PDB file of all heavy atoms in Angstrom:
ATOM      1  N   ILE A   1      -5.323 -15.531 -11.186  1.00  0.00           N
ATOM      2  CA  ILE A   1      -4.146 -15.397 -10.477  1.00  0.00           C
ATOM      3  C   ILE A   1      -3.078 -14.760 -11.499  1.00  0.00           C
ATOM      4  O   ILE A   1      -2.939 -15.334 -12.594  1.00  0.00           O
ATOM      5  CB  ILE A   1      -3.549 -16.781  -9.989  1.00  0.00           C
ATOM      6  CG1 ILE A   1      -4.537 -17.388  -9.064  1.00  0.00           C
ATOM      7  CG2 ILE A   1      -2.154 -16.701  -9.396  1.00  0.00           C
ATOM      8  CD1 ILE A   1      -4.209 -18.884  -8.643  1.00  0.00           C
ATOM      9  N   GLU A   2      -2.534 -13.676 -11.090  1.00  0.00           N
ATOM     10  CA  GLU A   2      -1.556 -12.976 -11.938  1.00  0.00           C
ATOM     11  C   GLU A   2      -0.223 -13.148 -11.137  1.00  0.00           C
ATOM     12  O   GLU A   2      -0.073 -12.693  -9.992  1.00  0.00           O
ATOM     13  CB  GLU A   2      -1.856 -11.581 -12.069  1.00  0.00           C
ATOM     14  CG  GLU A   2      -3.061 -11.231 -12.806  1.00  0.00           C
ATOM     15  CD  GLU A   2      -3.351  -9.783 -12.882  1.00  0.00           C
ATOM     16  OE1 GLU A   2      -2.614  -8.960 -13.542  1.00  0.00           O
ATOM     17  OE2 GLU A   2      -4.403  -9.376 -12.294  1.00  0.00           O
ATOM     18  N   ALA A   3       0.724 -13.803 -11.713  1.00  0.00           N
ATOM     19  CA  ALA A   3       2.083 -13.942 -11.118  1.00  0.00           C
ATOM     20  C   ALA A   3       3.128 -13.251 -12.020  1.00  0.00           C
ATOM     21  O   ALA A   3       3.163 -13.475 -13.162  1.00  0.00           O
ATOM     22  CB  ALA A   3       2.422 -15.460 -10.984  1.00  0.00           C
ATOM     23  N   ILE A   4       3.915 -12.462 -11.318  1.00  0.00           N
ATOM     24  CA  ILE A   4       5.008 -11.750 -12.042  1.00  0.00           C
ATOM     25  C   ILE A   4       6.288 -12.235 -11.341  1.00  0.00           C
ATOM     26  O   ILE A   4       6.508 -12.162 -10.182  1.00  0.00           O
ATOM     27  CB  ILE A   4       4.848 -10.255 -11.802  1.00  0.00           C
ATOM     28  CG1 ILE A   4       3.555  -9.748 -12.409  1.00  0.00           C
ATOM     29  CG2 ILE A   4       6.098  -9.472 -12.501  1.00  0.00           C
ATOM     30  CD1 ILE A   4       3.204  -8.312 -12.127  1.00  0.00           C
ATOM     31  N   PHE A   5       7.255 -12.725 -12.205  1.00  0.00           N
ATOM     32  CA  PHE A   5       8.496 -13.313 -11.679  1.00  0.00           C
ATOM     33  C   PHE A   5       9.578 -13.286 -12.670  1.00  0.00           C
ATOM     34  O   PHE A   5       9.397 -12.762 -13.786  1.00  0.00           O
ATOM     35  CB  PHE A   5       8.214 -14.764 -11.142  1.00  0.00           C
ATOM     36  CG  PHE A   5       7.570 -15.629 -12.227  1.00  0.00           C
ATOM     37  CD1 PHE A   5       8.303 -16.361 -13.107  1.00  0.00           C
ATOM     38  CD2 PHE A   5       6.198 -15.742 -12.267  1.00  0.00           C
ATOM     39  CE1 PHE A   5       7.683 -17.195 -14.058  1.00  0.00           C
ATOM     40  CE2 PHE A   5       5.564 -16.480 -13.143  1.00  0.00           C
ATOM     41  CZ  PHE A   5       6.301 -17.283 -14.088  1.00  0.00           C
ATOM     42  N   LYS A   6      10.721 -13.787 -12.300  1.00  0.00           N
ATOM     43  CA  LYS A   6      11.900 -13.728 -13.183  1.00  0.00           C
ATOM     44  C   LYS A   6      11.731 -14.682 -14.449  1.00  0.00           C
ATOM     45  O   LYS A   6      11.243 -15.748 -14.345  1.00  0.00           O
ATOM     46  CB  LYS A   6      13.187 -14.135 -12.468  1.00  0.00           C
ATOM     47  CG  LYS A   6      13.505 -13.149 -11.358  1.00  0.00           C
ATOM     48  CD  LYS A   6      14.708 -13.562 -10.555  1.00  0.00           C
ATOM     49  CE  LYS A   6      15.011 -12.513  -9.516  1.00  0.00           C
ATOM     50  NZ  LYS A   6      16.198 -12.848  -8.702  1.00  0.00           N
ATOM     51  N   PRO A   7      12.075 -14.192 -15.595  1.00  0.00           N
ATOM     52  CA  PRO A   7      11.840 -14.944 -16.797  1.00  0.00           C
ATOM     53  C   PRO A   7      12.423 -16.344 -16.888  1.00  0.00           C
ATOM     54  O   PRO A   7      11.778 -17.222 -17.402  1.00  0.00           O
ATOM     55  CB  PRO A   7      12.479 -14.070 -17.888  1.00  0.00           C
ATOM     56  CG  PRO A   7      12.567 -12.694 -17.301  1.00  0.00           C
ATOM     57  CD  PRO A   7      12.713 -12.883 -15.872  1.00  0.00           C
ATOM     58  N   PHE A   8      13.610 -16.617 -16.298  1.00  0.00           N
ATOM     59  CA  PHE A   8      14.200 -17.901 -16.425  1.00  0.00           C
ATOM     60  C   PHE A   8      13.401 -18.984 -15.593  1.00  0.00           C
ATOM     61  O   PHE A   8      13.694 -20.148 -15.737  1.00  0.00           O
ATOM     62  CB  PHE A   8      15.609 -17.903 -16.006  1.00  0.00           C
ATOM     63  CG  PHE A   8      15.983 -17.603 -14.541  1.00  0.00           C
ATOM     64  CD1 PHE A   8      16.009 -18.624 -13.571  1.00  0.00           C
ATOM     65  CD2 PHE A   8      16.148 -16.281 -14.155  1.00  0.00           C
ATOM     66  CE1 PHE A   8      16.255 -18.291 -12.357  1.00  0.00           C
ATOM     67  CE2 PHE A   8      16.444 -15.972 -12.880  1.00  0.00           C
ATOM     68  CZ  PHE A   8      16.535 -17.012 -11.902  1.00  0.00           C
ATOM     69  N   LYS A   9      12.480 -18.516 -14.813  1.00  0.00           N
ATOM     70  CA  LYS A   9      11.648 -19.494 -14.014  1.00  0.00           C
ATOM     71  C   LYS A   9      10.356 -19.861 -14.751  1.00  0.00           C
ATOM     72  O   LYS A   9       9.537 -20.692 -14.176  1.00  0.00           O
ATOM     73  CB  LYS A   9      11.260 -18.855 -12.657  1.00  0.00           C
ATOM     74  CG  LYS A   9      12.451 -18.738 -11.751  1.00  0.00           C
ATOM     75  CD  LYS A   9      12.874 -20.145 -11.332  1.00  0.00           C
ATOM     76  CE  LYS A   9      13.796 -20.124 -10.083  1.00  0.00           C
ATOM     77  NZ  LYS A   9      13.951 -21.497  -9.617  1.00  0.00           N
ATOM     78  N   LEU A  10      10.099 -19.428 -15.958  1.00  0.00           N
ATOM     79  CA  LEU A  10       8.789 -19.662 -16.588  1.00  0.00           C
ATOM     80  C   LEU A  10       8.552 -21.121 -16.839  1.00  0.00           C
ATOM     81  O   LEU A  10       7.463 -21.635 -16.511  1.00  0.00           O
ATOM     82  CB  LEU A  10       8.820 -18.891 -17.977  1.00  0.00           C
ATOM     83  CG  LEU A  10       7.526 -19.068 -18.813  1.00  0.00           C
ATOM     84  CD1 LEU A  10       6.240 -18.704 -17.999  1.00  0.00           C
ATOM     85  CD2 LEU A  10       7.673 -18.303 -20.111  1.00  0.00           C
ATOM     86  N   ASP A  11       9.519 -21.867 -17.380  1.00  0.00           N
ATOM     87  CA  ASP A  11       9.254 -23.303 -17.607  1.00  0.00           C
ATOM     88  C   ASP A  11       8.989 -24.086 -16.387  1.00  0.00           C
ATOM     89  O   ASP A  11       8.057 -24.954 -16.336  1.00  0.00           O
ATOM     90  CB  ASP A  11      10.475 -23.962 -18.274  1.00  0.00           C
ATOM     91  CG  ASP A  11      10.608 -23.517 -19.799  1.00  0.00           C
ATOM     92  OD1 ASP A  11       9.577 -23.158 -20.300  1.00  0.00           O
ATOM     93  OD2 ASP A  11      11.734 -23.598 -20.264  1.00  0.00           O
ATOM     94  N   GLU A  12       9.629 -23.747 -15.250  1.00  0.00           N
ATOM     95  CA  GLU A  12       9.380 -24.429 -13.969  1.00  0.00           C
ATOM     96  C   GLU A  12       7.939 -24.073 -13.532  1.00  0.00           C
ATOM     97  O   GLU A  12       7.199 -25.019 -13.027  1.00  0.00           O
ATOM     98  CB  GLU A  12      10.387 -24.036 -12.923  1.00  0.00           C
ATOM     99  CG  GLU A  12      11.744 -24.554 -13.246  1.00  0.00           C
ATOM    100  CD  GLU A  12      12.817 -23.982 -12.191  1.00  0.00           C
ATOM    101  OE1 GLU A  12      12.547 -24.050 -11.007  1.00  0.00           O
ATOM    102  OE2 GLU A  12      13.839 -23.391 -12.633  1.00  0.00           O
ATOM    103  N   VAL A  13       7.553 -22.851 -13.593  1.00  0.00           N
ATOM    104  CA  VAL A  13       6.243 -22.417 -13.179  1.00  0.00           C
ATOM    105  C   VAL A  13       5.074 -23.095 -14.049  1.00  0.00           C
ATOM    106  O   VAL A  13       4.155 -23.668 -13.553  1.00  0.00           O
ATOM    107  CB  VAL A  13       6.047 -20.919 -13.186  1.00  0.00           C
ATOM    108  CG1 VAL A  13       4.545 -20.558 -13.071  1.00  0.00           C
ATOM    109  CG2 VAL A  13       6.912 -20.283 -12.140  1.00  0.00           C
ATOM    110  N   ARG A  14       5.314 -23.153 -15.330  1.00  0.00           N
ATOM    111  CA  ARG A  14       4.456 -23.850 -16.226  1.00  0.00           C
ATOM    112  C   ARG A  14       4.276 -25.272 -15.957  1.00  0.00           C
ATOM    113  O   ARG A  14       3.120 -25.845 -15.884  1.00  0.00           O
ATOM    114  CB  ARG A  14       4.834 -23.641 -17.756  1.00  0.00           C
ATOM    115  CG  ARG A  14       3.827 -24.248 -18.756  1.00  0.00           C
ATOM    116  CD  ARG A  14       4.465 -24.215 -20.138  1.00  0.00           C
ATOM    117  NE  ARG A  14       5.706 -24.694 -20.250  1.00  0.00           N
ATOM    118  CZ  ARG A  14       6.006 -26.050 -20.336  1.00  0.00           C
ATOM    119  NH1 ARG A  14       5.038 -26.912 -20.247  1.00  0.00           N
ATOM    120  NH2 ARG A  14       7.305 -26.424 -20.487  1.00  0.00           N
ATOM    121  N   GLU A  15       5.365 -26.028 -15.706  1.00  0.00           N
ATOM    122  CA  GLU A  15       5.294 -27.383 -15.398  1.00  0.00           C
ATOM    123  C   GLU A  15       4.648 -27.615 -14.033  1.00  0.00           C
ATOM    124  O   GLU A  15       3.827 -28.537 -13.884  1.00  0.00           O
ATOM    125  CB  GLU A  15       6.692 -27.974 -15.320  1.00  0.00           C
ATOM    126  CG  GLU A  15       7.402 -28.094 -16.654  1.00  0.00           C
ATOM    127  CD  GLU A  15       8.781 -28.410 -16.628  1.00  0.00           C
ATOM    128  OE1 GLU A  15       9.318 -28.902 -15.566  1.00  0.00           O
ATOM    129  OE2 GLU A  15       9.503 -28.325 -17.688  1.00  0.00           O
ATOM    130  N   ALA A  16       4.921 -26.754 -13.063  1.00  0.00           N
ATOM    131  CA  ALA A  16       4.280 -26.962 -11.736  1.00  0.00           C
ATOM    132  C   ALA A  16       2.680 -26.774 -11.791  1.00  0.00           C
ATOM    133  O   ALA A  16       1.956 -27.472 -11.174  1.00  0.00           O
ATOM    134  CB  ALA A  16       4.839 -25.946 -10.753  1.00  0.00           C
ATOM    135  N   LEU A  17       2.296 -25.732 -12.591  1.00  0.00           N
ATOM    136  CA  LEU A  17       0.859 -25.619 -12.802  1.00  0.00           C
ATOM    137  C   LEU A  17       0.241 -26.776 -13.518  1.00  0.00           C
ATOM    138  O   LEU A  17      -0.858 -27.228 -13.185  1.00  0.00           O
ATOM    139  CB  LEU A  17       0.573 -24.230 -13.497  1.00  0.00           C
ATOM    140  CG  LEU A  17       0.887 -23.012 -12.636  1.00  0.00           C
ATOM    141  CD1 LEU A  17       0.805 -21.737 -13.535  1.00  0.00           C
ATOM    142  CD2 LEU A  17      -0.091 -22.929 -11.495  1.00  0.00           C
ATOM    143  N   SER A  18       0.895 -27.231 -14.541  1.00  0.00           N
ATOM    144  CA  SER A  18       0.428 -28.331 -15.281  1.00  0.00           C
ATOM    145  C   SER A  18       0.233 -29.602 -14.416  1.00  0.00           C
ATOM    146  O   SER A  18      -0.758 -30.382 -14.565  1.00  0.00           O
ATOM    147  CB  SER A  18       1.402 -28.710 -16.433  1.00  0.00           C
ATOM    148  OG  SER A  18       0.939 -29.729 -17.176  1.00  0.00           O
ATOM    149  N   GLU A  19       1.172 -29.840 -13.468  1.00  0.00           N
ATOM    150  CA  GLU A  19       1.107 -30.986 -12.626  1.00  0.00           C
ATOM    151  C   GLU A  19      -0.038 -30.934 -11.704  1.00  0.00           C
ATOM    152  O   GLU A  19      -0.595 -32.035 -11.279  1.00  0.00           O
ATOM    153  CB  GLU A  19       2.414 -31.063 -11.741  1.00  0.00           C
ATOM    154  CG  GLU A  19       3.611 -31.608 -12.520  1.00  0.00           C
ATOM    155  CD  GLU A  19       4.873 -31.540 -11.716  1.00  0.00           C
ATOM    156  OE1 GLU A  19       4.765 -31.309 -10.464  1.00  0.00           O
ATOM    157  OE2 GLU A  19       5.947 -31.706 -12.298  1.00  0.00           O
ATOM    158  N   ILE A  20      -0.574 -29.796 -11.388  1.00  0.00           N
ATOM    159  CA  ILE A  20      -1.849 -29.739 -10.463  1.00  0.00           C
ATOM    160  C   ILE A  20      -3.093 -29.651 -11.214  1.00  0.00           C
ATOM    161  O   ILE A  20      -4.118 -29.522 -10.656  1.00  0.00           O
ATOM    162  CB  ILE A  20      -1.683 -28.564  -9.433  1.00  0.00           C
ATOM    163  CG1 ILE A  20      -1.688 -27.248 -10.183  1.00  0.00           C
ATOM    164  CG2 ILE A  20      -0.437 -28.765  -8.493  1.00  0.00           C
ATOM    165  CD1 ILE A  20      -2.016 -26.057  -9.220  1.00  0.00           C
ATOM    166  N   GLY A  21      -3.036 -29.663 -12.535  1.00  0.00           N
ATOM    167  CA  GLY A  21      -4.230 -29.715 -13.380  1.00  0.00           C
ATOM    168  C   GLY A  21      -4.633 -28.449 -13.949  1.00  0.00           C
ATOM    169  O   GLY A  21      -5.754 -28.337 -14.490  1.00  0.00           O
ATOM    170  N   VAL A  22      -3.832 -27.409 -13.980  1.00  0.00           N
ATOM    171  CA  VAL A  22      -4.175 -26.152 -14.663  1.00  0.00           C
ATOM    172  C   VAL A  22      -3.803 -26.347 -16.158  1.00  0.00           C
ATOM    173  O   VAL A  22      -2.661 -26.592 -16.530  1.00  0.00           O
ATOM    174  CB  VAL A  22      -3.261 -24.991 -14.111  1.00  0.00           C
ATOM    175  CG1 VAL A  22      -3.579 -23.722 -14.825  1.00  0.00           C
ATOM    176  CG2 VAL A  22      -3.639 -24.745 -12.569  1.00  0.00           C
ATOM    177  N   SER A  23      -4.896 -26.200 -16.962  1.00  0.00           N
ATOM    178  CA  SER A  23      -4.675 -26.606 -18.378  1.00  0.00           C
ATOM    179  C   SER A  23      -4.276 -25.413 -19.273  1.00  0.00           C
ATOM    180  O   SER A  23      -3.734 -25.587 -20.307  1.00  0.00           O
ATOM    181  CB  SER A  23      -5.973 -27.173 -18.893  1.00  0.00           C
ATOM    182  OG  SER A  23      -7.005 -26.238 -18.755  1.00  0.00           O
ATOM    183  N   GLY A  24      -4.489 -24.148 -18.873  1.00  0.00           N
ATOM    184  CA  GLY A  24      -4.229 -23.083 -19.816  1.00  0.00           C
ATOM    185  C   GLY A  24      -3.732 -21.791 -19.029  1.00  0.00           C
ATOM    186  O   GLY A  24      -4.075 -21.637 -17.877  1.00  0.00           O
ATOM    187  N   LEU A  25      -2.880 -21.123 -19.700  1.00  0.00           N
ATOM    188  CA  LEU A  25      -2.347 -19.804 -19.134  1.00  0.00           C
ATOM    189  C   LEU A  25      -1.915 -18.917 -20.174  1.00  0.00           C
ATOM    190  O   LEU A  25      -1.723 -19.265 -21.374  1.00  0.00           O
ATOM    191  CB  LEU A  25      -1.204 -20.165 -18.145  1.00  0.00           C
ATOM    192  CG  LEU A  25       0.054 -20.950 -18.561  1.00  0.00           C
ATOM    193  CD1 LEU A  25       1.060 -20.125 -19.242  1.00  0.00           C
ATOM    194  CD2 LEU A  25       0.655 -21.629 -17.371  1.00  0.00           C
ATOM    195  N   THR A  26      -1.795 -17.631 -19.805  1.00  0.00           N
ATOM    196  CA  THR A  26      -1.351 -16.663 -20.699  1.00  0.00           C
ATOM    197  C   THR A  26      -0.032 -16.049 -20.124  1.00  0.00           C
ATOM    198  O   THR A  26       0.075 -15.764 -19.005  1.00  0.00           O
ATOM    199  CB  THR A  26      -2.382 -15.453 -20.809  1.00  0.00           C
ATOM    200  OG1 THR A  26      -3.654 -16.020 -21.265  1.00  0.00           O
ATOM    201  CG2 THR A  26      -1.948 -14.387 -21.772  1.00  0.00           C
ATOM    202  N   VAL A  27       0.967 -15.867 -21.009  1.00  0.00           N
ATOM    203  CA  VAL A  27       2.293 -15.324 -20.651  1.00  0.00           C
ATOM    204  C   VAL A  27       2.549 -14.077 -21.373  1.00  0.00           C
ATOM    205  O   VAL A  27       2.351 -13.905 -22.574  1.00  0.00           O
ATOM    206  CB  VAL A  27       3.362 -16.400 -20.951  1.00  0.00           C
ATOM    207  CG1 VAL A  27       4.729 -15.872 -20.606  1.00  0.00           C
ATOM    208  CG2 VAL A  27       3.144 -17.757 -20.252  1.00  0.00           C
ATOM    209  N   THR A  28       2.965 -13.034 -20.607  1.00  0.00           N
ATOM    210  CA  THR A  28       3.310 -11.749 -21.174  1.00  0.00           C
ATOM    211  C   THR A  28       4.662 -11.343 -20.710  1.00  0.00           C
ATOM    212  O   THR A  28       4.970 -11.477 -19.517  1.00  0.00           O
ATOM    213  CB  THR A  28       2.263 -10.703 -20.718  1.00  0.00           C
ATOM    214  OG1 THR A  28       0.963 -11.172 -20.871  1.00  0.00           O
ATOM    215  CG2 THR A  28       2.449  -9.362 -21.411  1.00  0.00           C
ATOM    216  N   GLU A  29       5.523 -10.811 -21.580  1.00  0.00           N
ATOM    217  CA  GLU A  29       6.841 -10.281 -21.170  1.00  0.00           C
ATOM    218  C   GLU A  29       6.585  -8.823 -20.708  1.00  0.00           C
ATOM    219  O   GLU A  29       6.011  -8.126 -21.437  1.00  0.00           O
ATOM    220  CB  GLU A  29       7.808 -10.316 -22.361  1.00  0.00           C
ATOM    221  CG  GLU A  29       8.262 -11.701 -22.699  1.00  0.00           C
ATOM    222  CD  GLU A  29       9.209 -11.777 -23.890  1.00  0.00           C
ATOM    223  OE1 GLU A  29       9.687 -10.688 -24.246  1.00  0.00           O
ATOM    224  OE2 GLU A  29       9.459 -12.901 -24.371  1.00  0.00           O
ATOM    225  N   VAL A  30       6.969  -8.543 -19.516  1.00  0.00           N
ATOM    226  CA  VAL A  30       6.767  -7.222 -18.959  1.00  0.00           C
ATOM    227  C   VAL A  30       8.068  -6.643 -18.325  1.00  0.00           C
ATOM    228  O   VAL A  30       9.014  -7.438 -18.194  1.00  0.00           O
ATOM    229  CB  VAL A  30       5.627  -7.314 -17.801  1.00  0.00           C
ATOM    230  CG1 VAL A  30       4.367  -7.687 -18.387  1.00  0.00           C
ATOM    231  CG2 VAL A  30       6.072  -8.259 -16.691  1.00  0.00           C
ATOM    232  N   LYS A  31       8.056  -5.422 -18.031  1.00  0.00           N
ATOM    233  CA  LYS A  31       9.219  -4.825 -17.348  1.00  0.00           C
ATOM    234  C   LYS A  31       8.676  -4.008 -16.179  1.00  0.00           C
ATOM    235  O   LYS A  31       7.566  -3.408 -16.223  1.00  0.00           O
ATOM    236  CB  LYS A  31       9.891  -3.837 -18.279  1.00  0.00           C
ATOM    237  CG  LYS A  31      10.693  -4.550 -19.397  1.00  0.00           C
ATOM    238  CD  LYS A  31      11.431  -3.523 -20.191  1.00  0.00           C
ATOM    239  CE  LYS A  31      12.157  -4.269 -21.305  1.00  0.00           C
ATOM    240  NZ  LYS A  31      13.138  -3.433 -21.961  1.00  0.00           N
ATOM    241  N   GLY A  32       9.411  -3.995 -15.121  1.00  0.00           N
ATOM    242  CA  GLY A  32       8.942  -3.170 -13.957  1.00  0.00           C
ATOM    243  C   GLY A  32       9.950  -3.228 -12.832  1.00  0.00           C
ATOM    244  O   GLY A  32      11.044  -3.766 -12.987  1.00  0.00           O
ATOM    245  N   PHE A  33       9.582  -2.718 -11.688  1.00  0.00           N
ATOM    246  CA  PHE A  33      10.445  -2.737 -10.570  1.00  0.00           C
ATOM    247  C   PHE A  33       9.678  -2.536  -9.297  1.00  0.00           C
ATOM    248  O   PHE A  33       8.526  -2.022  -9.303  1.00  0.00           O
ATOM    249  CB  PHE A  33      11.579  -1.657 -10.553  1.00  0.00           C
ATOM    250  CG  PHE A  33      11.104  -0.277 -10.454  1.00  0.00           C
ATOM    251  CD1 PHE A  33      11.007   0.308  -9.132  1.00  0.00           C
ATOM    252  CD2 PHE A  33      10.731   0.466 -11.535  1.00  0.00           C
ATOM    253  CE1 PHE A  33      10.520   1.572  -9.001  1.00  0.00           C
ATOM    254  CE2 PHE A  33      10.288   1.794 -11.445  1.00  0.00           C
ATOM    255  CZ  PHE A  33      10.199   2.290 -10.246  1.00  0.00           C
ATOM    256  N   GLY A  34      10.137  -3.052  -8.177  1.00  0.00           N
ATOM    257  CA  GLY A  34       9.558  -2.949  -6.845  1.00  0.00           C
ATOM    258  C   GLY A  34      10.565  -2.345  -5.979  1.00  0.00           C
ATOM    259  O   GLY A  34      11.210  -1.324  -6.211  1.00  0.00           O
ATOM    260  N   ARG A  35      10.784  -3.060  -4.850  1.00  0.00           N
ATOM    261  CA  ARG A  35      11.888  -2.651  -3.897  1.00  0.00           C
ATOM    262  C   ARG A  35      13.254  -2.607  -4.528  1.00  0.00           C
ATOM    263  O   ARG A  35      14.127  -1.879  -4.086  1.00  0.00           O
ATOM    264  CB  ARG A  35      11.914  -3.532  -2.698  1.00  0.00           C
ATOM    265  CG  ARG A  35      10.577  -3.359  -1.901  1.00  0.00           C
ATOM    266  CD  ARG A  35      10.699  -4.243  -0.657  1.00  0.00           C
ATOM    267  NE  ARG A  35       9.519  -4.091   0.132  1.00  0.00           N
ATOM    268  CZ  ARG A  35       9.122  -4.950   1.098  1.00  0.00           C
ATOM    269  NH1 ARG A  35       9.919  -5.963   1.323  1.00  0.00           N
ATOM    270  NH2 ARG A  35       7.971  -4.775   1.661  1.00  0.00           N
ATOM    271  N   GLN A  36      13.448  -3.428  -5.608  1.00  0.00           N
ATOM    272  CA  GLN A  36      14.725  -3.497  -6.212  1.00  0.00           C
ATOM    273  C   GLN A  36      15.125  -2.127  -6.825  1.00  0.00           C
ATOM    274  O   GLN A  36      16.330  -1.864  -6.857  1.00  0.00           O
ATOM    275  CB  GLN A  36      14.614  -4.448  -7.434  1.00  0.00           C
ATOM    276  CG  GLN A  36      15.322  -5.717  -7.185  1.00  0.00           C
ATOM    277  CD  GLN A  36      15.032  -6.630  -8.401  1.00  0.00           C
ATOM    278  OE1 GLN A  36      13.998  -6.868  -8.799  1.00  0.00           O
ATOM    279  NE2 GLN A  36      16.110  -7.161  -8.950  1.00  0.00           N
ATOM    280  N   LYS A  37      14.310  -1.330  -7.277  1.00  0.00           N
ATOM    281  CA  LYS A  37      14.527  -0.006  -7.958  1.00  0.00           C
ATOM    282  C   LYS A  37      15.532  -0.062  -9.030  1.00  0.00           C
ATOM    283  O   LYS A  37      16.249   0.849  -9.293  1.00  0.00           O
ATOM    284  CB  LYS A  37      15.081   0.928  -6.868  1.00  0.00           C
ATOM    285  CG  LYS A  37      14.066   1.108  -5.740  1.00  0.00           C
ATOM    286  CD  LYS A  37      13.029   2.138  -6.010  1.00  0.00           C
ATOM    287  CE  LYS A  37      12.180   2.555  -4.822  1.00  0.00           C
ATOM    288  NZ  LYS A  37      11.290   1.642  -4.352  1.00  0.00           N
ATOM    289  N   GLY A  38      15.657  -1.244  -9.774  1.00  0.00           N
ATOM    290  CA  GLY A  38      16.533  -1.365 -10.841  1.00  0.00           C
ATOM    291  C   GLY A  38      18.002  -1.601 -10.412  1.00  0.00           C
ATOM    292  O   GLY A  38      18.167  -1.920  -9.186  1.00  0.00           O
ATOM    293  N   HIS A  39      18.916  -1.486 -11.303  1.00  0.00           N
ATOM    294  CA  HIS A  39      20.273  -1.601 -10.910  1.00  0.00           C
ATOM    295  C   HIS A  39      21.227  -0.859 -11.892  1.00  0.00           C
ATOM    296  O   HIS A  39      20.759  -0.433 -12.981  1.00  0.00           O
ATOM    297  CB  HIS A  39      20.671  -3.151 -10.873  1.00  0.00           C
ATOM    298  CG  HIS A  39      20.589  -3.773 -12.165  1.00  0.00           C
ATOM    299  ND1 HIS A  39      19.389  -4.364 -12.647  1.00  0.00           N
ATOM    300  CD2 HIS A  39      21.480  -4.087 -13.144  1.00  0.00           C
ATOM    301  CE1 HIS A  39      19.635  -4.871 -13.822  1.00  0.00           C
ATOM    302  NE2 HIS A  39      20.869  -4.742 -14.167  1.00  0.00           N
ATOM    303  N   THR A  40      22.458  -0.750 -11.588  1.00  0.00           N
ATOM    304  CA  THR A  40      23.453  -0.068 -12.474  1.00  0.00           C
ATOM    305  C   THR A  40      24.296  -1.101 -13.223  1.00  0.00           C
ATOM    306  O   THR A  40      24.649  -2.106 -12.660  1.00  0.00           O
ATOM    307  CB  THR A  40      24.369   0.797 -11.546  1.00  0.00           C
ATOM    308  OG1 THR A  40      23.568   1.695 -10.764  1.00  0.00           O
ATOM    309  CG2 THR A  40      25.312   1.580 -12.514  1.00  0.00           C
ATOM    310  N   GLU A  41      24.442  -0.792 -14.508  1.00  0.00           N
ATOM    311  CA  GLU A  41      25.303  -1.711 -15.342  1.00  0.00           C
ATOM    312  C   GLU A  41      26.382  -0.862 -15.968  1.00  0.00           C
ATOM    313  O   GLU A  41      26.302   0.377 -16.155  1.00  0.00           O
ATOM    314  CB  GLU A  41      24.484  -2.366 -16.393  1.00  0.00           C
ATOM    315  CG  GLU A  41      23.523  -3.519 -15.852  1.00  0.00           C
ATOM    316  CD  GLU A  41      22.819  -4.203 -16.923  1.00  0.00           C
ATOM    317  OE1 GLU A  41      23.237  -4.047 -18.126  1.00  0.00           O
ATOM    318  OE2 GLU A  41      22.021  -5.071 -16.569  1.00  0.00           O
ATOM    319  N   LEU A  42      27.486  -1.548 -16.383  1.00  0.00           N
ATOM    320  CA  LEU A  42      28.588  -0.907 -17.115  1.00  0.00           C
ATOM    321  C   LEU A  42      28.596  -1.445 -18.475  1.00  0.00           C
ATOM    322  O   LEU A  42      28.608  -2.633 -18.774  1.00  0.00           O
ATOM    323  CB  LEU A  42      29.830  -1.306 -16.346  1.00  0.00           C
ATOM    324  CG  LEU A  42      31.114  -0.432 -16.690  1.00  0.00           C
ATOM    325  CD1 LEU A  42      30.805   0.996 -16.180  1.00  0.00           C
ATOM    326  CD2 LEU A  42      32.292  -1.001 -15.901  1.00  0.00           C
ATOM    327  N   TYR A  43      28.637  -0.536 -19.479  1.00  0.00           N
ATOM    328  CA  TYR A  43      28.603  -0.870 -20.872  1.00  0.00           C
ATOM    329  C   TYR A  43      29.574  -0.073 -21.657  1.00  0.00           C
ATOM    330  O   TYR A  43      29.505   1.165 -21.618  1.00  0.00           O
ATOM    331  CB  TYR A  43      27.221  -0.756 -21.544  1.00  0.00           C
ATOM    332  CG  TYR A  43      27.212  -1.176 -23.032  1.00  0.00           C
ATOM    333  CD1 TYR A  43      27.301  -2.484 -23.426  1.00  0.00           C
ATOM    334  CD2 TYR A  43      27.072  -0.184 -24.011  1.00  0.00           C
ATOM    335  CE1 TYR A  43      27.349  -2.803 -24.711  1.00  0.00           C
ATOM    336  CE2 TYR A  43      26.994  -0.469 -25.261  1.00  0.00           C
ATOM    337  CZ  TYR A  43      27.135  -1.834 -25.682  1.00  0.00           C
ATOM    338  OH  TYR A  43      27.130  -2.165 -27.008  1.00  0.00           O
ATOM    339  N   ARG A  44      30.703  -0.605 -22.172  1.00  0.00           N
ATOM    340  CA  ARG A  44      31.742  -0.006 -22.801  1.00  0.00           C
ATOM    341  C   ARG A  44      32.283   1.234 -22.024  1.00  0.00           C
ATOM    342  O   ARG A  44      32.517   2.297 -22.593  1.00  0.00           O
ATOM    343  CB  ARG A  44      31.252   0.477 -24.201  1.00  0.00           C
ATOM    344  CG  ARG A  44      30.926  -0.697 -25.123  1.00  0.00           C
ATOM    345  CD  ARG A  44      30.735  -0.253 -26.593  1.00  0.00           C
ATOM    346  NE  ARG A  44      30.537  -1.340 -27.426  1.00  0.00           N
ATOM    347  CZ  ARG A  44      30.309  -1.233 -28.673  1.00  0.00           C
ATOM    348  NH1 ARG A  44      30.333  -0.063 -29.316  1.00  0.00           N
ATOM    349  NH2 ARG A  44      30.168  -2.320 -29.456  1.00  0.00           N
ATOM    350  N   GLY A  45      32.504   0.976 -20.808  1.00  0.00           N
ATOM    351  CA  GLY A  45      33.065   1.915 -19.913  1.00  0.00           C
ATOM    352  C   GLY A  45      32.107   2.997 -19.370  1.00  0.00           C
ATOM    353  O   GLY A  45      32.431   3.825 -18.523  1.00  0.00           O
TER     354      GLY A  45
END
């Protein structure tokens, strides 16, 4: 199972998997986009 999701949800996902008996997992920081197509930000004008 490969799950890609928002970084701030990692602890909740890890705890949820641990509760059902999943003992090990691998975590990778990745970048990407889907339907979101990114977004626009403002930095120093």
